[in-house]
Amino acid sequence: MKLLAKIIIIIAVFFCGFYFGQKQVLSPNEMLEFTAKPLEIEEGNVPNQVVLSEISAALVIDFSNGQIEEYGKVNLPLRSSVFDLLKKAAAENEIELRFKSYGEMGIFIESIGGVENDFAGDRFWQYWVNGEYAKIGAGSYQLKDGDIVEWKLIKGQINI
């Protein structure tokens, strides 16, 4: 009976941590709107800082069957997410993209280009940014100008 109580407490702590941890990350619905205003430059006064109103990021999709697709320099609004990049590249290049939104918990990619997750084979779509495995959901990861995002259909889950 004590073992069952410990398991219930551990599960409750895990879900509370997950729920409140999600509140620390801005979801796409909570992002602030940004409008770039033109810089007013007085004669002889050149600003030493450029304000970006958009970014560009590259996208690589590895289907794990020898097929790798690259989509470089996709232009996106400032504060776009990894998921925004995937959606835009899919729309512009007529790539079939299926996903399921779980609200604040995030977005689950079901298939890219007709290649689905394989639950029986334990293979799922996961992503890396600039060579590093992502630690948050694709809808919450805010891109920076010049980022390279790689989506791979791989076996298992990376433990970090």
Protein backbone atom coordinates (compact mmCIF):
# COMPACT_ATOMS: atom_id res chain seq x y z
CA MET A 1 0.00 0.00 0.00
CA LYS A 2 2.90 2.36 0.82
CA LEU A 3 4.41 1.65 -2.61
CA LEU A 4 1.15 2.62 -4.33
CA ALA A 5 1.01 5.88 -2.35
CA LYS A 6 4.62 6.71 -3.32
CA ILE A 7 3.87 6.06 -6.98
CA ILE A 8 0.80 8.31 -6.88
CA ILE A 9 2.81 11.09 -5.21
CA ILE A 10 5.61 10.80 -7.79
CA ILE A 11 3.11 10.96 -10.65
CA ALA A 12 1.36 13.97 -9.10
CA VAL A 13 4.69 15.80 -8.63
CA PHE A 14 5.67 15.01 -12.24
CA PHE A 15 2.42 16.35 -13.69
CA CYS A 16 2.50 19.47 -11.49
CA GLY A 17 6.09 20.17 -12.59
CA PHE A 18 5.17 19.64 -16.23
CA TYR A 19 2.07 21.84 -15.98
CA PHE A 20 3.78 24.72 -14.17
CA GLY A 21 6.93 24.36 -16.29
CA GLN A 22 4.84 24.95 -19.41
CA LYS A 23 3.64 28.24 -17.90
CA GLN A 24 7.25 29.51 -17.95
CA VAL A 25 7.51 29.26 -21.77
CA LEU A 26 5.58 31.56 -24.09
CA SER A 27 3.22 29.63 -26.29
CA PRO A 28 2.51 30.92 -29.82
CA ASN A 29 -0.87 32.26 -28.64
CA GLU A 30 0.78 34.28 -25.85
CA MET A 31 3.54 35.84 -27.96
CA LEU A 32 3.59 39.60 -28.15
CA GLU A 33 2.81 41.27 -31.44
CA PHE A 34 5.76 43.11 -32.93
CA THR A 35 5.60 45.85 -35.52
CA ALA A 36 8.84 47.25 -36.86
CA LYS A 37 8.87 51.00 -37.29
CA PRO A 38 11.10 52.57 -39.90
CA LEU A 39 14.24 54.10 -38.49
CA GLU A 40 14.45 57.86 -38.69
CA ILE A 41 18.02 58.81 -39.48
CA GLU A 42 19.12 62.36 -39.06
CA GLU A 43 21.75 63.63 -41.43
CA GLY A 44 25.18 62.52 -40.26
CA ASN A 45 23.67 60.29 -37.56
CA VAL A 46 23.90 56.60 -38.50
CA PRO A 47 22.38 54.16 -36.01
CA ASN A 48 24.79 51.56 -34.68
CA GLN A 49 22.09 48.92 -34.31
CA VAL A 50 19.74 47.45 -36.90
CA VAL A 51 16.28 46.39 -35.77
CA LEU A 52 15.08 43.17 -37.43
CA SER A 53 11.44 42.73 -38.30
CA GLU A 54 11.94 39.25 -39.70
CA ILE A 55 14.40 36.40 -39.54
CA SER A 56 15.45 33.64 -41.87
CA ALA A 57 16.05 30.05 -40.86
CA ALA A 58 16.99 26.90 -42.72
CA LEU A 59 15.06 23.64 -42.54
CA VAL A 60 16.35 20.10 -43.12
CA ILE A 61 14.03 17.08 -43.09
CA ASP A 62 15.65 13.64 -42.73
CA PHE A 63 13.11 10.92 -43.54
CA SER A 64 15.55 8.22 -42.26
CA ASN A 65 15.24 6.27 -45.51
CA GLY A 66 18.09 8.01 -47.33
CA GLN A 67 15.87 10.91 -48.40
CA ILE A 68 16.95 14.29 -47.01
CA GLU A 69 15.23 17.51 -48.08
CA GLU A 70 16.76 20.95 -47.47
CA TYR A 71 14.90 24.26 -47.47
CA GLY A 72 17.32 27.10 -46.84
CA LYS A 73 16.56 30.67 -45.90
CA VAL A 74 12.87 30.58 -45.14
CA ASN A 75 11.83 34.11 -44.13
CA LEU A 76 9.64 34.37 -41.04
CA PRO A 77 8.33 37.11 -38.76
CA LEU A 78 10.39 37.89 -35.69
CA ARG A 79 9.58 35.59 -32.74
CA SER A 80 8.56 32.66 -34.96
CA SER A 81 8.77 29.14 -33.61
CA VAL A 82 10.24 25.92 -35.00
CA PHE A 83 6.68 24.83 -35.73
CA ASP A 84 6.01 28.09 -37.64
CA LEU A 85 9.07 27.33 -39.80
CA LEU A 86 7.89 23.77 -40.50
CA LYS A 87 4.35 24.95 -41.36
CA LYS A 88 5.58 27.69 -43.71
CA ALA A 89 8.07 25.45 -45.52
CA ALA A 90 5.42 22.73 -45.85
CA ALA A 91 2.89 25.19 -47.31
CA GLU A 92 5.38 26.79 -49.72
CA ASN A 93 6.73 23.44 -50.96
CA GLU A 94 3.47 21.45 -50.93
CA ILE A 95 4.71 19.04 -48.27
CA GLU A 96 1.99 17.11 -46.49
CA LEU A 97 2.12 17.95 -42.79
CA ARG A 98 -0.12 16.36 -40.17
CA PHE A 99 -0.01 17.41 -36.54
CA LYS A 100 -2.17 17.47 -33.47
CA SER A 101 -2.38 20.42 -31.09
CA TYR A 102 -2.68 19.72 -27.38
CA GLY A 103 -3.21 23.35 -26.37
CA GLU A 104 -0.75 24.50 -23.73
CA MET A 105 0.94 21.11 -23.70
CA GLY A 106 2.20 21.63 -27.25
CA ILE A 107 2.02 20.25 -30.75
CA PHE A 108 2.66 16.66 -31.79
CA ILE A 109 3.93 16.06 -35.33
CA GLU A 110 2.16 13.01 -36.75
CA SER A 111 3.67 12.95 -40.26
CA ILE A 112 5.84 14.98 -42.61
CA GLY A 113 5.70 14.38 -46.35
CA GLY A 114 3.47 11.37 -45.85
CA VAL A 115 5.99 9.66 -43.55
CA GLU A 116 4.24 8.90 -40.27
CA ASN A 117 5.45 8.18 -36.77
CA ASP A 118 5.89 4.44 -36.27
CA PHE A 119 4.61 3.57 -32.81
CA ALA A 120 5.29 -0.16 -33.24
CA GLY A 121 8.88 0.54 -34.33
CA ASP A 122 9.33 3.29 -31.70
CA ARG A 123 10.24 5.90 -34.38
CA PHE A 124 9.05 9.48 -33.99
CA TRP A 125 9.61 12.92 -35.53
CA GLN A 126 12.03 14.92 -33.36
CA TYR A 127 13.98 18.10 -34.02
CA TRP A 128 17.37 19.75 -33.45
CA VAL A 129 18.32 23.42 -33.69
CA ASN A 130 21.89 24.20 -34.73
CA GLY A 131 22.88 20.58 -34.02
CA GLU A 132 21.42 20.47 -30.50
CA TYR A 133 18.47 18.28 -29.54
CA ALA A 134 15.51 20.43 -28.53
CA LYS A 135 14.42 20.44 -24.91
CA ILE A 136 11.04 22.11 -25.47
CA GLY A 137 8.16 21.67 -27.90
CA ALA A 138 8.37 22.93 -31.48
CA GLY A 139 5.60 25.48 -30.87
CA SER A 140 7.50 26.99 -27.94
CA TYR A 141 11.05 27.12 -29.33
CA GLN A 142 11.60 30.68 -30.57
CA LEU A 143 13.98 30.88 -33.54
CA LYS A 144 16.81 33.34 -34.03
CA ASP A 145 18.04 34.68 -37.35
CA GLY A 146 20.25 32.11 -39.08
CA ASP A 147 19.11 29.05 -37.09
CA ILE A 148 19.20 25.65 -38.80
CA VAL A 149 16.39 23.28 -37.83
CA GLU A 150 16.63 19.55 -38.54
CA TRP A 151 13.60 17.27 -38.27
CA LYS A 152 14.48 13.56 -38.11
CA LEU A 153 12.36 10.43 -37.89
CA ILE A 154 14.40 8.45 -35.38
CA LYS A 155 14.01 5.49 -33.08
CA GLY A 156 13.34 6.11 -29.40
CA GLN A 157 13.54 9.32 -27.50
CA ILE A 158 16.76 11.14 -26.82
CA ASN A 159 17.46 11.21 -23.09
CA ILE A 160 19.26 14.34 -21.98
